[in-house]
Amino acid sequence: MTYEFHPAAEAEFLESVGYYESRVPGLGGALVEEFEVLAGLVCETPKAWQVEVAPDIRKAPFHRFPLSLIFREGTGDVQILAVAHDRRRPQYWLGRL
């Protein structure tokens, strides 16, 4: 299975990478690496993650960063709806459904 970004989610992700890279050189790259690992796990076993909004919106937290992937399983792929900060604006991404 593969993943695709909601356009706003891709912008969020790139913004987060830029933010962390501006704070500490190399940290943006670490975020990209962790994202790729997490996205791979989500694509392999999408139903293994916590349901955030019933029936099919799920949340997969990053380990090193205060972020989570908000996604839903589609037909043959995973749609990433948000790369959301864990402590800011809860469920702001609901408008993307």
N, C-alpha and C. Protein backbone atom coordinates (compact mmCIF):
# COMPACT_ATOMS: atom_id res chain seq x y z
N MET A 1 0.84 -1.17 0.00
CA MET A 1 0.00 0.00 0.00
C MET A 1 0.89 1.24 0.00
N THR A 2 0.41 2.29 -0.60
CA THR A 2 1.15 3.56 -0.65
C THR A 2 0.35 4.63 0.10
N TYR A 3 0.93 5.83 0.20
CA TYR A 3 0.21 6.93 0.83
C TYR A 3 0.17 8.12 -0.11
N GLU A 4 -0.81 8.95 0.12
CA GLU A 4 -0.89 10.22 -0.59
C GLU A 4 -1.29 11.29 0.43
N PHE A 5 -0.78 12.49 0.22
CA PHE A 5 -1.07 13.61 1.11
C PHE A 5 -2.33 14.34 0.66
N HIS A 6 -3.12 14.77 1.61
CA HIS A 6 -4.07 15.85 1.36
C HIS A 6 -3.18 17.07 1.11
N PRO A 7 -3.51 17.94 0.15
CA PRO A 7 -2.62 19.08 -0.13
C PRO A 7 -2.24 19.91 1.10
N ALA A 8 -3.19 20.14 1.99
CA ALA A 8 -2.89 20.92 3.20
C ALA A 8 -1.96 20.16 4.14
N ALA A 9 -2.07 18.84 4.16
CA ALA A 9 -1.20 18.02 5.02
C ALA A 9 0.23 18.06 4.51
N GLU A 10 0.40 18.05 3.21
CA GLU A 10 1.75 18.12 2.65
C GLU A 10 2.39 19.46 2.99
N ALA A 11 1.63 20.53 2.90
CA ALA A 11 2.13 21.85 3.27
C ALA A 11 2.52 21.90 4.75
N GLU A 12 1.70 21.30 5.61
CA GLU A 12 2.02 21.24 7.05
C GLU A 12 3.32 20.50 7.29
N PHE A 13 3.46 19.38 6.61
CA PHE A 13 4.66 18.57 6.80
C PHE A 13 5.91 19.35 6.39
N LEU A 14 5.86 19.97 5.22
CA LEU A 14 7.02 20.74 4.75
C LEU A 14 7.31 21.92 5.67
N GLU A 15 6.27 22.54 6.19
CA GLU A 15 6.46 23.65 7.14
C GLU A 15 7.14 23.16 8.42
N SER A 16 6.72 22.00 8.90
CA SER A 16 7.33 21.43 10.11
C SER A 16 8.79 21.08 9.88
N VAL A 17 9.09 20.52 8.72
CA VAL A 17 10.48 20.19 8.39
C VAL A 17 11.32 21.46 8.40
N GLY A 18 10.82 22.52 7.77
CA GLY A 18 11.55 23.79 7.74
C GLY A 18 11.73 24.38 9.13
N TYR A 19 10.69 24.30 9.94
CA TYR A 19 10.77 24.83 11.30
C TYR A 19 11.86 24.12 12.11
N TYR A 20 11.84 22.79 12.11
CA TYR A 20 12.82 22.04 12.90
C TYR A 20 14.23 22.21 12.35
N GLU A 21 14.35 22.30 11.05
CA GLU A 21 15.68 22.48 10.45
C GLU A 21 16.23 23.86 10.82
N SER A 22 15.35 24.87 10.93
CA SER A 22 15.82 26.22 11.29
C SER A 22 16.26 26.28 12.75
N ARG A 23 15.71 25.41 13.59
CA ARG A 23 16.08 25.38 15.00
C ARG A 23 17.42 24.70 15.23
N VAL A 24 17.58 23.53 14.61
CA VAL A 24 18.80 22.74 14.77
C VAL A 24 19.12 22.09 13.43
N PRO A 25 20.25 22.43 12.82
CA PRO A 25 20.59 21.81 11.54
C PRO A 25 20.58 20.28 11.66
N GLY A 26 19.90 19.65 10.73
CA GLY A 26 19.79 18.20 10.73
C GLY A 26 18.50 17.68 11.34
N LEU A 27 17.83 18.51 12.14
CA LEU A 27 16.61 18.06 12.80
C LEU A 27 15.46 17.91 11.81
N GLY A 28 15.43 18.75 10.80
CA GLY A 28 14.42 18.61 9.75
C GLY A 28 14.60 17.28 9.02
N GLY A 29 15.84 16.91 8.76
CA GLY A 29 16.11 15.61 8.13
C GLY A 29 15.69 14.45 9.02
N ALA A 30 15.87 14.61 10.32
CA ALA A 30 15.44 13.57 11.26
C ALA A 30 13.91 13.42 11.23
N LEU A 31 13.21 14.53 11.09
CA LEU A 31 11.75 14.49 10.98
C LEU A 31 11.33 13.75 9.70
N VAL A 32 12.00 14.04 8.60
CA VAL A 32 11.69 13.36 7.34
C VAL A 32 11.91 11.85 7.49
N GLU A 33 13.03 11.47 8.10
CA GLU A 33 13.32 10.05 8.29
C GLU A 33 12.26 9.38 9.15
N GLU A 34 11.89 10.01 10.26
CA GLU A 34 10.88 9.41 11.13
C GLU A 34 9.54 9.34 10.42
N PHE A 35 9.22 10.36 9.64
CA PHE A 35 7.97 10.33 8.87
C PHE A 35 7.95 9.14 7.92
N GLU A 36 9.03 8.92 7.20
CA GLU A 36 9.07 7.82 6.23
C GLU A 36 8.88 6.47 6.91
N VAL A 37 9.51 6.29 8.07
CA VAL A 37 9.34 5.03 8.81
C VAL A 37 7.89 4.88 9.28
N LEU A 38 7.33 5.93 9.86
CA LEU A 38 5.97 5.87 10.37
C LEU A 38 4.97 5.68 9.23
N ALA A 39 5.14 6.39 8.14
CA ALA A 39 4.24 6.23 7.00
C ALA A 39 4.31 4.81 6.45
N GLY A 40 5.50 4.22 6.44
CA GLY A 40 5.64 2.84 6.01
C GLY A 40 4.88 1.88 6.91
N LEU A 41 4.98 2.10 8.22
CA LEU A 41 4.25 1.25 9.17
C LEU A 41 2.74 1.41 9.01
N VAL A 42 2.30 2.64 8.82
CA VAL A 42 0.88 2.91 8.64
C VAL A 42 0.37 2.23 7.36
N CYS A 43 1.15 2.28 6.31
CA CYS A 43 0.74 1.64 5.06
C CYS A 43 0.71 0.12 5.18
N GLU A 44 1.59 -0.45 5.97
CA GLU A 44 1.62 -1.90 6.16
C GLU A 44 0.43 -2.38 7.00
N THR A 45 0.12 -1.66 8.06
CA THR A 45 -0.94 -2.10 8.99
C THR A 45 -1.80 -0.90 9.40
N PRO A 46 -2.60 -0.36 8.50
CA PRO A 46 -3.38 0.84 8.85
C PRO A 46 -4.38 0.64 9.98
N LYS A 47 -4.91 -0.54 10.13
CA LYS A 47 -5.92 -0.77 11.18
C LYS A 47 -5.31 -0.95 12.57
N ALA A 48 -4.00 -0.96 12.66
CA ALA A 48 -3.34 -1.16 13.95
C ALA A 48 -3.29 0.12 14.79
N TRP A 49 -3.70 1.23 14.22
CA TRP A 49 -3.57 2.51 14.92
C TRP A 49 -4.89 2.94 15.53
N GLN A 50 -4.79 3.77 16.55
CA GLN A 50 -5.93 4.27 17.31
C GLN A 50 -6.91 5.03 16.42
N VAL A 51 -8.21 4.74 16.57
CA VAL A 51 -9.24 5.50 15.87
C VAL A 51 -9.38 6.85 16.57
N GLU A 52 -9.24 7.91 15.80
CA GLU A 52 -9.36 9.27 16.33
C GLU A 52 -10.79 9.77 16.16
N VAL A 53 -11.38 9.53 15.01
CA VAL A 53 -12.76 9.92 14.73
C VAL A 53 -13.42 8.74 14.01
N ALA A 54 -14.48 8.21 14.60
CA ALA A 54 -15.15 7.06 14.00
C ALA A 54 -15.76 7.45 12.65
N PRO A 55 -15.81 6.58 11.69
CA PRO A 55 -15.43 5.18 11.80
C PRO A 55 -14.01 4.88 11.33
N ASP A 56 -13.37 5.78 10.58
CA ASP A 56 -12.14 5.35 9.90
C ASP A 56 -10.97 6.33 9.94
N ILE A 57 -11.04 7.38 10.73
CA ILE A 57 -9.93 8.33 10.82
C ILE A 57 -9.04 7.88 11.98
N ARG A 58 -7.76 7.67 11.68
CA ARG A 58 -6.84 7.13 12.68
C ARG A 58 -5.68 8.08 12.94
N LYS A 59 -4.99 7.82 14.04
CA LYS A 59 -3.89 8.68 14.49
C LYS A 59 -2.68 7.81 14.81
N ALA A 60 -1.54 8.19 14.24
CA ALA A 60 -0.28 7.48 14.51
C ALA A 60 0.74 8.51 15.00
N PRO A 61 1.14 8.44 16.27
CA PRO A 61 2.06 9.44 16.82
C PRO A 61 3.51 9.20 16.41
N PHE A 62 4.23 10.30 16.23
CA PHE A 62 5.68 10.24 16.06
C PHE A 62 6.29 9.93 17.42
N HIS A 63 7.51 9.44 17.43
CA HIS A 63 8.17 9.16 18.71
C HIS A 63 9.00 10.34 19.19
N ARG A 64 9.75 10.95 18.30
CA ARG A 64 10.69 11.99 18.69
C ARG A 64 10.10 13.39 18.66
N PHE A 65 9.03 13.58 17.93
CA PHE A 65 8.45 14.90 17.72
C PHE A 65 7.02 14.93 18.27
N PRO A 66 6.53 16.10 18.69
CA PRO A 66 5.17 16.19 19.22
C PRO A 66 4.13 16.29 18.11
N LEU A 67 4.19 15.37 17.17
CA LEU A 67 3.33 15.36 15.99
C LEU A 67 2.68 14.00 15.83
N SER A 68 1.59 13.97 15.07
CA SER A 68 0.93 12.71 14.73
C SER A 68 0.46 12.76 13.29
N LEU A 69 0.47 11.59 12.65
CA LEU A 69 -0.15 11.45 11.33
C LEU A 69 -1.62 11.18 11.55
N ILE A 70 -2.46 11.96 10.92
CA ILE A 70 -3.89 11.72 10.92
C ILE A 70 -4.21 11.18 9.52
N PHE A 71 -4.81 10.00 9.45
CA PHE A 71 -4.98 9.37 8.14
C PHE A 71 -6.24 8.52 8.10
N ARG A 72 -6.58 8.12 6.88
CA ARG A 72 -7.64 7.14 6.69
C ARG A 72 -7.23 6.22 5.55
N GLU A 73 -7.68 4.99 5.68
CA GLU A 73 -7.37 3.99 4.67
C GLU A 73 -8.36 4.15 3.52
N GLY A 74 -7.80 4.20 2.31
CA GLY A 74 -8.63 4.26 1.12
C GLY A 74 -8.57 2.94 0.38
N THR A 75 -8.99 2.96 -0.85
CA THR A 75 -8.93 1.76 -1.69
C THR A 75 -7.53 1.67 -2.28
N GLY A 76 -6.69 0.85 -1.67
CA GLY A 76 -5.35 0.66 -2.18
C GLY A 76 -4.32 1.66 -1.71
N ASP A 77 -4.73 2.64 -0.90
CA ASP A 77 -3.75 3.60 -0.39
C ASP A 77 -4.21 4.15 0.95
N VAL A 78 -3.33 4.94 1.55
CA VAL A 78 -3.62 5.63 2.80
C VAL A 78 -3.59 7.12 2.49
N GLN A 79 -4.63 7.84 2.88
CA GLN A 79 -4.67 9.28 2.67
C GLN A 79 -4.26 9.96 3.98
N ILE A 80 -3.17 10.72 3.93
CA ILE A 80 -2.71 11.47 5.09
C ILE A 80 -3.46 12.80 5.10
N LEU A 81 -4.30 12.99 6.10
CA LEU A 81 -5.13 14.19 6.20
C LEU A 81 -4.41 15.33 6.90
N ALA A 82 -3.50 15.00 7.82
CA ALA A 82 -2.80 16.05 8.57
C ALA A 82 -1.52 15.49 9.18
N VAL A 83 -0.56 16.37 9.35
CA VAL A 83 0.61 16.13 10.18
C VAL A 83 0.43 17.13 11.31
N ALA A 84 -0.28 16.68 12.34
CA ALA A 84 -0.81 17.58 13.35
C ALA A 84 0.05 17.63 14.61
N HIS A 85 0.21 18.83 15.15
CA HIS A 85 0.88 19.00 16.43
C HIS A 85 -0.03 18.44 17.51
N ASP A 86 0.53 17.70 18.44
CA ASP A 86 -0.26 17.01 19.45
C ASP A 86 -0.93 17.93 20.46
N ARG A 87 -0.43 19.14 20.63
CA ARG A 87 -0.97 20.01 21.67
C ARG A 87 -1.55 21.32 21.14
N ARG A 88 -1.73 21.43 19.85
CA ARG A 88 -2.28 22.67 19.28
C ARG A 88 -3.51 22.38 18.43
N ARG A 89 -4.49 23.19 18.54
CA ARG A 89 -5.69 23.14 17.71
C ARG A 89 -6.23 21.72 17.49
N PRO A 90 -6.75 21.09 18.49
CA PRO A 90 -7.24 19.72 18.34
C PRO A 90 -8.30 19.60 17.25
N GLN A 91 -8.15 18.62 16.43
CA GLN A 91 -9.08 18.25 15.36
C GLN A 91 -9.41 19.38 14.37
N TYR A 92 -8.50 20.32 14.19
CA TYR A 92 -8.69 21.38 13.21
C TYR A 92 -8.84 20.83 11.80
N TRP A 93 -8.32 19.66 11.56
CA TRP A 93 -8.29 19.02 10.24
C TRP A 93 -9.62 18.39 9.86
N LEU A 94 -10.63 18.42 10.71
CA LEU A 94 -11.92 17.82 10.40
C LEU A 94 -12.55 18.41 9.13
N GLY A 95 -12.23 19.63 8.81
CA GLY A 95 -12.73 20.25 7.58
C GLY A 95 -12.17 19.64 6.32
N ARG A 96 -11.16 18.80 6.44
CA ARG A 96 -10.54 18.16 5.28
C ARG A 96 -11.22 16.86 4.89
N LEU A 97 -12.17 16.44 5.67
CA LEU A 97 -12.87 15.19 5.37
C LEU A 97 -13.81 15.46 4.26
